[in-house]
Protein backbone atom coordinates (compact mmCIF):
# COMPACT_ATOMS: atom_id res chain seq x y z
CA UNK A 1 70.88 65.92 84.00
CA UNK A 2 74.09 64.03 84.75
CA UNK A 3 75.90 63.94 88.07
CA UNK A 4 75.30 67.64 88.77
CA UNK A 5 71.58 67.22 88.32
CA UNK A 6 71.52 64.25 90.68
CA UNK A 7 73.63 66.04 93.31
CA UNK A 8 71.39 69.10 93.31
CA UNK A 9 68.19 67.13 93.09
CA UNK A 10 67.04 68.60 89.80
CA UNK A 11 63.89 67.18 88.29
CA UNK A 12 61.75 67.96 85.24
CA UNK A 13 58.21 69.18 85.22
CA UNK A 14 56.19 66.33 83.79
CA UNK A 15 53.88 68.64 81.88
CA UNK A 16 56.77 70.18 79.97
CA UNK A 17 58.94 67.09 79.63
CA UNK A 18 56.05 65.15 78.11
CA UNK A 19 55.35 67.84 75.52
CA UNK A 20 55.72 66.30 72.06
CA UNK A 21 57.88 69.12 70.68
CA UNK A 22 60.18 69.07 73.71
CA UNK A 23 60.40 65.28 73.69
CA UNK A 24 61.41 65.26 70.02
CA UNK A 25 64.18 67.78 70.68
CA UNK A 26 65.46 65.75 73.62
CA UNK A 27 65.46 62.57 71.54
CA UNK A 28 67.39 64.30 68.74
CA UNK A 29 70.25 65.26 71.06
CA UNK A 30 73.34 63.09 70.73
CA UNK A 31 75.26 61.52 73.58
CA UNK A 32 78.94 62.28 72.91
CA UNK A 33 82.03 60.63 74.32
CA UNK A 34 84.02 62.94 76.64
CA UNK A 35 87.30 62.62 74.73
CA UNK A 36 88.37 66.24 75.25
CA UNK A 37 87.91 65.94 79.02
CA UNK A 38 90.05 62.83 79.18
CA UNK A 39 92.70 64.32 76.89
CA UNK A 40 93.12 67.68 78.63
CA UNK A 41 93.07 66.10 82.11
CA UNK A 42 95.71 63.54 81.12
CA UNK A 43 97.94 66.25 79.66
CA UNK A 44 97.60 68.38 82.80
CA UNK A 45 98.56 65.46 85.03
CA UNK A 46 101.57 64.61 82.84
CA UNK A 47 102.73 68.24 82.72
CA UNK A 48 102.72 68.58 86.50
CA UNK A 49 104.42 65.21 86.92
CA UNK A 50 107.17 66.15 84.46
CA UNK A 51 107.49 69.60 86.08
CA UNK A 52 108.06 68.09 89.51
CA UNK A 53 110.51 65.50 88.14
CA UNK A 54 112.52 68.19 86.33
CA UNK A 55 112.31 71.07 88.81
CA UNK A 56 111.33 69.49 92.11
CA UNK A 57 109.16 71.01 94.82
CA UNK A 58 109.46 74.55 96.06
CA UNK A 59 109.19 75.43 99.75
CA UNK A 60 105.74 74.63 101.15
CA UNK A 61 103.77 77.06 103.31
CA UNK A 62 101.96 80.38 103.28
CA UNK A 63 104.79 82.79 104.16
CA UNK A 64 108.23 83.67 102.88
CA UNK A 65 110.90 81.01 103.39
CA UNK A 66 114.44 82.05 104.33
CA UNK A 67 117.54 80.29 103.05
CA UNK A 68 120.97 81.05 104.51
CA UNK A 69 124.48 79.89 103.81
CA UNK A 70 128.08 80.85 103.25
CA UNK A 71 129.10 81.18 99.62
CA UNK A 72 132.15 82.37 97.71
CA UNK A 73 131.66 85.91 96.42
CA UNK A 74 133.68 88.17 94.13
CA UNK A 75 135.89 89.31 97.01
CA UNK A 76 137.15 85.68 97.04
CA UNK A 77 135.88 85.26 100.58
CA UNK A 78 133.05 83.29 102.11
CA UNK A 79 130.09 85.47 102.92
CA UNK A 80 126.87 84.76 104.77
CA UNK A 81 124.04 85.21 102.28
CA UNK A 82 120.39 85.25 103.31
CA UNK A 83 117.50 85.43 100.91
CA UNK A 84 113.77 84.87 101.12
CA UNK A 85 111.46 83.31 98.58
CA UNK A 86 107.70 82.74 98.72
CA UNK A 87 106.45 79.32 99.74
CA UNK A 88 104.07 77.44 97.46
CA UNK A 89 100.72 76.99 99.16
CA UNK A 90 99.68 74.35 96.61
CA UNK A 91 102.64 71.99 97.11
CA UNK A 92 104.37 72.30 93.77
CA UNK A 93 107.31 73.89 91.90
CA UNK A 94 108.72 77.35 92.50
CA UNK A 95 107.24 80.40 90.81
CA UNK A 96 110.18 80.89 88.43
CA UNK A 97 109.96 77.25 87.36
CA UNK A 98 106.26 77.59 86.58
CA UNK A 99 106.94 80.75 84.58
CA UNK A 100 109.67 78.96 82.66
CA UNK A 101 107.17 76.22 81.80
CA UNK A 102 104.64 78.68 80.36
CA UNK A 103 102.53 79.99 83.24
CA UNK A 104 100.74 83.30 82.77
CA UNK A 105 103.23 86.06 83.61
CA UNK A 106 102.56 89.53 82.23
CA UNK A 107 106.24 90.64 81.93
CA UNK A 108 106.76 87.75 79.48
CA UNK A 109 103.79 88.84 77.39
CA UNK A 110 104.24 92.61 77.19
CA UNK A 111 106.77 95.26 78.09
CA UNK A 112 106.55 96.00 81.80
CA UNK A 113 107.59 99.62 82.30
CA UNK A 114 108.78 99.05 85.88
CA UNK A 115 111.01 96.14 84.88
CA UNK A 116 112.24 98.01 81.80
CA UNK A 117 113.19 101.03 83.91
CA UNK A 118 115.07 98.76 86.30
CA UNK A 119 116.94 97.10 83.43
CA UNK A 120 117.76 100.52 81.94
CA UNK A 121 119.02 101.63 85.35
CA UNK A 122 121.28 98.57 85.59
CA UNK A 123 122.67 99.29 82.12
CA UNK A 124 123.25 102.95 82.96
CA UNK A 125 125.23 101.95 86.05
CA UNK A 126 127.12 99.31 84.09
CA UNK A 127 128.14 101.92 81.52
CA UNK A 128 130.22 103.60 84.24
CA UNK A 129 131.93 100.41 85.41
CA UNK A 130 135.43 99.17 84.68
CA UNK A 131 137.61 96.19 85.43
CA UNK A 132 138.62 96.01 89.09
CA UNK A 133 141.93 94.12 89.20
CA UNK A 134 143.28 92.67 92.44
CA UNK A 135 146.85 93.82 93.12
CA UNK A 136 147.91 90.34 94.23
CA UNK A 137 146.94 88.89 90.81
CA UNK A 138 144.19 86.80 92.42
CA UNK A 139 141.62 87.87 89.86
CA UNK A 140 139.44 90.66 88.54
CA UNK A 141 135.77 91.56 88.37
CA UNK A 142 133.70 94.20 86.61
CA UNK A 143 132.53 96.78 89.13
CA UNK A 144 131.85 100.43 89.81
CA UNK A 145 134.57 102.58 91.32
CA UNK A 146 132.77 102.64 94.67
CA UNK A 147 132.75 98.83 94.82
CA UNK A 148 136.44 98.49 93.96
CA UNK A 149 138.67 98.69 97.03
CA UNK A 150 141.50 101.20 96.54
CA UNK A 151 143.76 99.42 99.01
CA UNK A 152 143.84 95.95 97.47
CA UNK A 153 142.65 96.56 93.90
CA UNK A 154 143.16 98.81 90.89
CA UNK A 155 140.17 100.16 89.02
CA UNK A 156 141.24 100.23 85.36
CA UNK A 157 139.01 102.88 83.82
CA UNK A 158 139.75 104.25 80.39
CA UNK A 159 139.87 108.04 80.23
CA UNK A 160 140.71 110.74 77.72
CA UNK A 161 144.32 110.66 78.89
CA UNK A 162 144.48 106.87 79.09
CA UNK A 163 142.10 105.73 76.36
CA UNK A 164 141.37 102.22 75.23
CA UNK A 165 141.47 100.83 71.68
CA UNK A 166 140.37 103.39 69.11
CA UNK A 167 140.30 106.15 71.71
CA UNK A 168 137.49 104.54 73.69
CA UNK A 169 136.76 105.90 77.15
CA UNK A 170 133.93 103.49 78.00
CA UNK A 171 135.50 100.54 79.78
CA UNK A 172 137.63 98.61 80.38
CA UNK A 173 135.85 95.27 80.63
CA UNK A 174 137.35 92.24 82.34
CA UNK A 175 138.14 89.60 79.74
CA UNK A 176 136.68 91.58 76.84
CA UNK A 177 138.36 93.99 74.43
CA UNK A 178 137.60 94.80 70.77
CA UNK A 179 141.34 94.79 70.08
CA UNK A 180 141.65 91.13 71.03
CA UNK A 181 138.43 89.72 69.58
CA UNK A 182 138.23 88.02 66.18
CA UNK A 183 134.56 87.05 66.23
CA UNK A 184 132.80 89.35 66.00
CA UNK A 185 135.70 91.55 64.95
CA UNK A 186 135.58 95.29 65.50
CA UNK A 187 136.11 96.42 61.89
CA UNK A 188 134.45 99.02 59.72
CA UNK A 189 131.49 99.26 59.35
CA UNK A 190 130.86 97.00 62.35
CA UNK A 191 133.12 98.70 64.86
CA UNK A 192 132.26 98.22 68.48
CA UNK A 193 130.83 101.50 69.83
CA UNK A 194 132.35 103.53 72.63
CA UNK A 195 129.71 102.16 74.97
CA UNK A 196 130.42 98.88 76.74
CA UNK A 197 126.69 98.16 77.23
CA UNK A 198 126.44 97.71 73.45
CA UNK A 199 129.40 95.38 73.10
CA UNK A 200 128.71 91.85 71.85
CA UNK A 201 129.90 88.62 73.43
CA UNK A 202 133.28 87.66 72.01
CA UNK A 203 133.04 84.18 70.54
CA UNK A 204 136.70 83.92 69.50
CA UNK A 205 139.74 85.65 71.03
CA UNK A 206 142.58 86.89 68.83
CA UNK A 207 145.01 84.04 68.20
CA UNK A 208 147.95 86.42 68.56
CA UNK A 209 146.87 87.21 72.10
CA UNK A 210 148.18 84.91 74.79
CA UNK A 211 147.94 85.28 78.53
CA UNK A 212 151.23 83.43 78.95
CA UNK A 213 153.04 85.73 76.52
CA UNK A 214 151.74 89.00 77.99
CA UNK A 215 151.48 88.56 81.75
CA UNK A 216 152.87 92.02 82.52
CA UNK A 217 151.25 93.97 79.68
CA UNK A 218 149.71 96.98 81.41
CA UNK A 219 147.56 97.75 78.38
CA UNK A 220 146.01 94.30 78.59
CA UNK A 221 145.74 93.87 82.35
CA UNK A 222 142.00 93.45 82.08
CA UNK A 223 142.54 90.64 79.58
CA UNK A 224 145.23 88.64 81.37
CA UNK A 225 143.62 88.62 84.80
CA UNK A 226 141.40 85.75 85.89
CA UNK A 227 137.78 86.87 85.69
CA UNK A 228 136.02 85.78 88.88
CA UNK A 229 132.61 87.23 88.19
CA UNK A 230 130.11 86.86 85.35
CA UNK A 231 126.48 87.92 84.86
CA UNK A 232 123.94 86.09 86.99
CA UNK A 233 120.20 86.46 86.36
CA UNK A 234 118.30 86.32 89.66
CA UNK A 235 114.59 86.22 90.42
CA UNK A 236 111.69 86.72 88.03
CA UNK A 237 111.99 90.45 87.32
CA UNK A 238 115.14 90.48 85.20
CA UNK A 239 117.61 91.33 87.98
CA UNK A 240 121.24 90.84 86.98
CA UNK A 241 124.49 91.14 88.90
CA UNK A 242 128.13 90.27 88.29
CA UNK A 243 128.98 87.54 90.75
CA UNK A 244 130.53 84.11 91.20
CA UNK A 245 129.02 80.86 90.01
CA UNK A 246 128.80 79.64 93.61
CA UNK A 247 126.72 82.65 94.60
CA UNK A 248 124.54 82.35 91.51
CA UNK A 249 123.85 78.67 92.11
CA UNK A 250 123.01 79.33 95.76
CA UNK A 251 120.31 81.87 94.88
CA UNK A 252 119.07 79.63 92.04
CA UNK A 253 120.05 82.09 89.35
CA UNK A 254 121.14 81.56 85.75
CA UNK A 255 124.91 81.95 85.38
CA UNK A 256 126.25 83.28 82.07
CA UNK A 257 129.90 82.31 81.96
CA UNK A 258 130.07 83.18 78.26
CA UNK A 259 129.23 86.85 78.94
CA UNK A 260 131.18 89.63 80.62
CA UNK A 261 128.43 92.20 81.18
CA UNK A 262 124.80 92.14 82.25
CA UNK A 263 123.92 94.12 79.12
CA UNK A 264 125.03 91.13 77.04
CA UNK A 265 122.37 88.83 78.46
CA UNK A 266 118.59 88.94 78.55
CA UNK A 267 117.57 87.91 82.04
CA UNK A 268 113.90 88.22 81.17
CA UNK A 269 114.43 85.70 78.38
CA UNK A 270 115.99 83.37 80.95
CA UNK A 271 112.99 83.79 83.23
CA UNK A 272 110.39 83.31 80.52
CA UNK A 273 111.98 80.47 78.59
CA UNK A 274 109.69 79.04 75.90
CA UNK A 275 110.26 80.60 72.44
CA UNK A 276 112.83 83.44 72.63
CA UNK A 277 111.51 86.96 72.08
CA UNK A 278 111.50 88.01 68.41
CA UNK A 279 113.11 91.30 69.41
CA UNK A 280 115.53 91.19 72.38
CA UNK A 281 114.04 92.57 75.60
CA UNK A 282 110.62 92.98 73.96
CA UNK A 283 108.36 90.30 75.52
CA UNK A 284 105.85 88.86 73.07
CA UNK A 285 104.71 85.53 74.52
CA UNK A 286 100.99 86.12 74.14
CA UNK A 287 100.48 82.38 73.74
CA UNK A 288 100.88 82.01 77.51
CA UNK A 289 97.14 82.62 77.69
CA UNK A 290 96.76 79.06 76.42
CA UNK A 291 99.91 77.27 77.61
CA UNK A 292 98.88 78.17 81.15
CA UNK A 293 95.78 75.99 80.70
CA UNK A 294 97.95 72.93 81.20
CA UNK A 295 99.92 74.17 84.22
CA UNK A 296 99.09 73.95 87.91
CA UNK A 297 100.71 75.59 90.90
CA UNK A 298 100.89 72.24 92.65
CA UNK A 299 99.36 68.89 93.48
CA UNK A 300 96.49 70.33 95.53
CA UNK A 301 95.34 72.56 92.68
CA UNK A 302 95.61 69.68 90.23
CA UNK A 303 93.41 67.52 92.46
CA UNK A 304 90.71 70.21 92.39
CA UNK A 305 91.00 70.42 88.61
CA UNK A 306 90.72 66.66 88.12
CA UNK A 307 87.63 66.46 90.34
CA UNK A 308 85.87 69.34 88.59
CA UNK A 309 86.70 68.12 85.11
CA UNK A 310 85.87 64.49 85.77
CA UNK A 311 82.55 65.07 87.50
CA UNK A 312 81.36 68.28 85.80
CA UNK A 313 83.12 68.77 82.50
CA UNK A 314 82.65 65.16 81.47
CA UNK A 315 78.85 65.41 81.73
CA UNK A 316 78.86 68.72 79.88
CA UNK A 317 80.92 67.23 77.07
CA UNK A 318 78.50 64.31 76.76
CA UNK A 319 75.83 66.92 76.11
CA UNK A 320 77.76 69.32 73.88
CA UNK A 321 80.50 67.30 72.18
CA UNK A 322 84.28 67.73 72.17
CA UNK A 323 84.42 70.70 69.79
CA UNK A 324 81.94 72.86 71.67
CA UNK A 325 83.27 72.09 75.14
CA UNK A 326 86.81 72.63 73.82
CA UNK A 327 85.87 76.10 72.57
CA UNK A 328 84.24 76.97 75.89
CA UNK A 329 87.12 75.55 77.95
CA UNK A 330 89.91 77.18 75.95
CA UNK A 331 88.01 80.39 75.26
CA UNK A 332 87.24 81.03 78.92
CA UNK A 333 90.57 79.93 80.34
CA UNK A 334 93.56 81.91 81.48
CA UNK A 335 94.95 78.96 83.36
CA UNK A 336 92.90 75.92 84.38
CA UNK A 337 91.12 77.83 87.14
CA UNK A 338 89.68 80.29 84.64
CA UNK A 339 88.44 77.41 82.51
CA UNK A 340 86.80 75.81 85.52
CA UNK A 341 84.87 78.99 86.19
CA UNK A 342 83.87 78.86 82.55
CA UNK A 343 82.47 75.39 83.23
CA UNK A 344 80.50 76.72 86.21
CA UNK A 345 79.08 79.41 83.96
CA UNK A 346 78.22 76.65 81.50
CA UNK A 347 76.17 74.88 84.19
CA UNK A 348 74.34 78.11 84.96
CA UNK A 349 73.53 78.61 81.28
CA UNK A 350 72.25 75.03 81.17
CA UNK A 351 69.82 75.87 83.99
CA UNK A 352 68.70 79.06 82.25
CA UNK A 353 68.12 77.25 78.96
CA UNK A 354 66.08 74.53 80.67
CA UNK A 355 64.28 76.90 83.05
CA UNK A 356 60.70 76.05 81.97
CA UNK A 357 61.47 72.32 82.27
CA UNK A 358 62.78 72.34 85.84
CA UNK A 359 60.58 71.96 88.90
CA UNK A 360 62.70 74.27 91.07
CA UNK A 361 64.96 76.31 88.78
CA UNK A 362 65.46 79.03 91.39
CA UNK A 363 66.97 76.55 93.84
CA UNK A 364 69.25 75.08 91.18
CA UNK A 365 70.49 78.53 90.17
CA UNK A 366 71.06 79.66 93.76
CA UNK A 367 73.07 76.53 94.55
CA UNK A 368 75.33 77.05 91.55
CA UNK A 369 75.80 80.73 92.34
CA UNK A 370 76.66 79.84 95.95
CA UNK A 371 79.35 77.41 94.80
CA UNK A 372 80.71 80.03 92.41
CA UNK A 373 80.88 82.59 95.22
CA UNK A 374 82.72 80.15 97.50
CA UNK A 375 85.26 79.46 94.76
CA UNK A 376 85.75 83.19 94.26
CA UNK A 377 86.69 83.39 97.95
CA UNK A 378 89.19 80.57 97.41
CA UNK A 379 90.64 82.76 94.67
CA UNK A 380 91.82 85.13 97.40
CA UNK A 381 94.55 82.61 98.24
CA UNK A 382 98.07 83.21 96.87
CA UNK A 383 99.25 81.73 93.57
CA UNK A 384 95.69 81.95 92.19
CA UNK A 385 94.45 84.66 89.84
CA UNK A 386 90.96 85.78 90.79
CA UNK A 387 90.79 88.01 87.72
CA UNK A 388 91.23 84.88 85.63
CA UNK A 389 88.27 83.45 87.57
CA UNK A 390 86.15 86.53 86.91
CA UNK A 391 86.79 86.80 83.20
CA UNK A 392 86.79 83.02 82.81
CA UNK A 393 83.28 83.06 84.24
CA UNK A 394 82.18 85.92 81.96
CA UNK A 395 83.64 84.37 78.81
CA UNK A 396 82.34 80.95 79.84
CA UNK A 397 78.85 82.39 80.22
CA UNK A 398 78.91 84.13 76.84
CA UNK A 399 80.43 81.19 74.96
CA UNK A 400 78.14 78.69 76.66
CA UNK A 401 75.08 80.67 75.64
CA UNK A 402 76.45 80.70 72.10
CA UNK A 403 77.49 77.05 71.79
CA UNK A 404 75.40 74.95 74.18
CA UNK A 405 72.56 73.04 72.50
CA UNK A 406 69.21 74.29 73.74
CA UNK A 407 65.58 73.28 73.92
CA UNK A 408 63.13 75.78 72.46
CA UNK A 409 59.69 76.16 73.97
CA UNK A 410 57.81 77.62 71.08
CA UNK A 411 58.53 79.73 68.02
CA UNK A 412 59.17 82.96 69.94
CA UNK A 413 61.51 81.27 72.43
CA UNK A 414 63.59 79.81 69.59
CA UNK A 415 64.03 83.18 67.85
CA UNK A 416 64.89 84.82 71.16
CA UNK A 417 67.61 82.27 71.89
CA UNK A 418 69.09 82.54 68.39
CA UNK A 419 69.24 86.31 68.80
CA UNK A 420 70.97 85.88 72.17
CA UNK A 421 73.51 83.54 70.58
CA UNK A 422 74.65 86.28 68.20
CA UNK A 423 74.62 88.87 70.98
CA UNK A 424 76.81 86.65 73.17
CA UNK A 425 79.26 85.89 70.35
CA UNK A 426 79.60 89.58 69.52
CA UNK A 427 79.96 90.47 73.20
CA UNK A 428 82.69 87.86 73.68
CA UNK A 429 84.68 89.26 70.74
CA UNK A 430 84.24 92.86 71.87
CA UNK A 431 85.28 91.99 75.43
CA UNK A 432 88.32 90.08 74.17
CA UNK A 433 89.44 93.02 72.01
CA UNK A 434 88.92 95.45 74.90
CA UNK A 435 90.98 93.29 77.26
CA UNK A 436 93.79 92.97 74.71
CA UNK A 437 93.83 96.76 74.28
CA UNK A 438 93.79 97.23 78.04
CA UNK A 439 96.63 94.74 78.46
CA UNK A 440 98.90 96.20 75.78
CA UNK A 441 97.89 99.81 75.16
CA UNK A 442 96.80 101.15 78.56
CA UNK A 443 98.05 98.57 81.08
CA UNK A 444 97.45 99.05 84.79
CA UNK A 445 100.63 98.31 86.73
CA UNK A 446 99.86 99.61 90.21
CA UNK A 447 96.41 99.30 91.74
CA UNK A 448 96.49 98.51 95.44
CA UNK A 449 92.74 98.13 95.75
CA UNK A 450 92.67 95.80 92.73
CA UNK A 451 95.26 93.56 94.39
CA UNK A 452 92.87 92.80 97.27
CA UNK A 453 90.52 91.08 94.84
CA UNK A 454 93.38 88.79 93.86
CA UNK A 455 94.78 87.99 97.31
CA UNK A 456 93.85 88.97 100.86
CA UNK A 457 96.95 89.53 103.04
CA UNK A 458 95.99 87.27 105.95
CA UNK A 459 99.61 87.37 107.15
CA UNK A 460 102.41 89.82 106.46
CA UNK A 461 103.92 87.78 103.63
CA UNK A 462 100.78 85.92 102.58
CA UNK A 463 100.50 87.84 99.31
CA UNK A 464 104.21 88.49 98.87
CA UNK A 465 105.68 88.92 95.41
CA UNK A 466 106.89 85.69 93.83
CA UNK A 467 110.36 87.23 93.52
CA UNK A 468 113.23 86.53 95.94
CA UNK A 469 114.45 89.17 98.38
CA UNK A 470 117.98 89.54 99.71
CA UNK A 471 118.97 90.50 103.23
CA UNK A 472 122.68 90.99 102.57
CA UNK A 473 124.69 92.19 99.63
CA UNK A 474 128.22 91.39 98.56
CA UNK A 475 131.05 93.40 100.12
CA UNK A 476 133.42 95.68 98.26
CA UNK A 477 136.00 93.79 96.19
């Protein structure tokens, strides 16, 4: 029975427990050491500890947190910048740090059409930009014509009448020109196209080009000016903007000093981390389904995990062994919370398998279902995926029925349970395939009603997106 049996006051019927056939089956069961429980719990504790040491704590609370300050922007002036980011209810790292460590995040696992459209929109706008050069030689920055002040700056846009190298009309780009780049060189058949969004990062500038030797060269103004803005990846949805390092650091972005354009960097790769995408801008990190098993949103969630695994999973592993409990735990988990619901399902299956042996099986089942329902309500809190709970419970139930050792009460009961084992295994595979197809082939991006199952908006920002939101934008250069 273990700790769970003692807590819920389970007891055997003497008439069944003393049956010779049942007694022999009970005696044949092995008592395993809970090595998997100790291993996975230790790893989870270490991962959170290392995460906090490396990334620190995010803001704590249940609403959006505002951060304000004056930072140097591309206009070379100090500007008041305000931005909001969601607080972590579980007292742990920020959302983008957890994603970088391998948390479940759909845009890192498949192409998100909304994010892709936004990235395409940024590239389309960038295609029409040019180098905005300050007339007082204080610097230059890549910008649109609308963002380049006509009074204090010159917008150097190549046109049919004033074309760039090779007759190009796309550009110019501050600090980047195919004419002055040796690696990669723009030579046939690898000529840089007349589209700046497809230009590579220049790793080596032409040795014949020197800023000191050509300070007044009008054809190379965009190359001799001091570039004061580079791509900065902000937030968790692949947002990119050309800005200063000071601004980028303030909003906790990733600054790409080696690049000149947003199209030269993959902000989604920066967000996701882990193993880079095989094809640029095509997310393929399906393995996050399992890396997320070792991550927690914070210390409070880890404490819940440790308690459940130490007092529940340990007893189950003593009954089933490390291999079986490992299959159930990993197979039912999308994050540790999903695995824990798989363990609850495992306890329910244990009651169903031992139903004829228990004095009050109805009470035992109702108590477990009540606990499960309460935990589903806790899943309505932010930073917790209730859908992971739901499918973790379903997969845990199916896999537990397939892998838990059972007591048979007669020839018919044994054949029935063996048949159910195959049914549950087949059902688990079919459900897994259906979910994969749903995730990749016909994904659901917007479902307002579905979102209420995942988080109830108790306050205005209680279920806010994990992205950051800006209140002010940079002024015209």
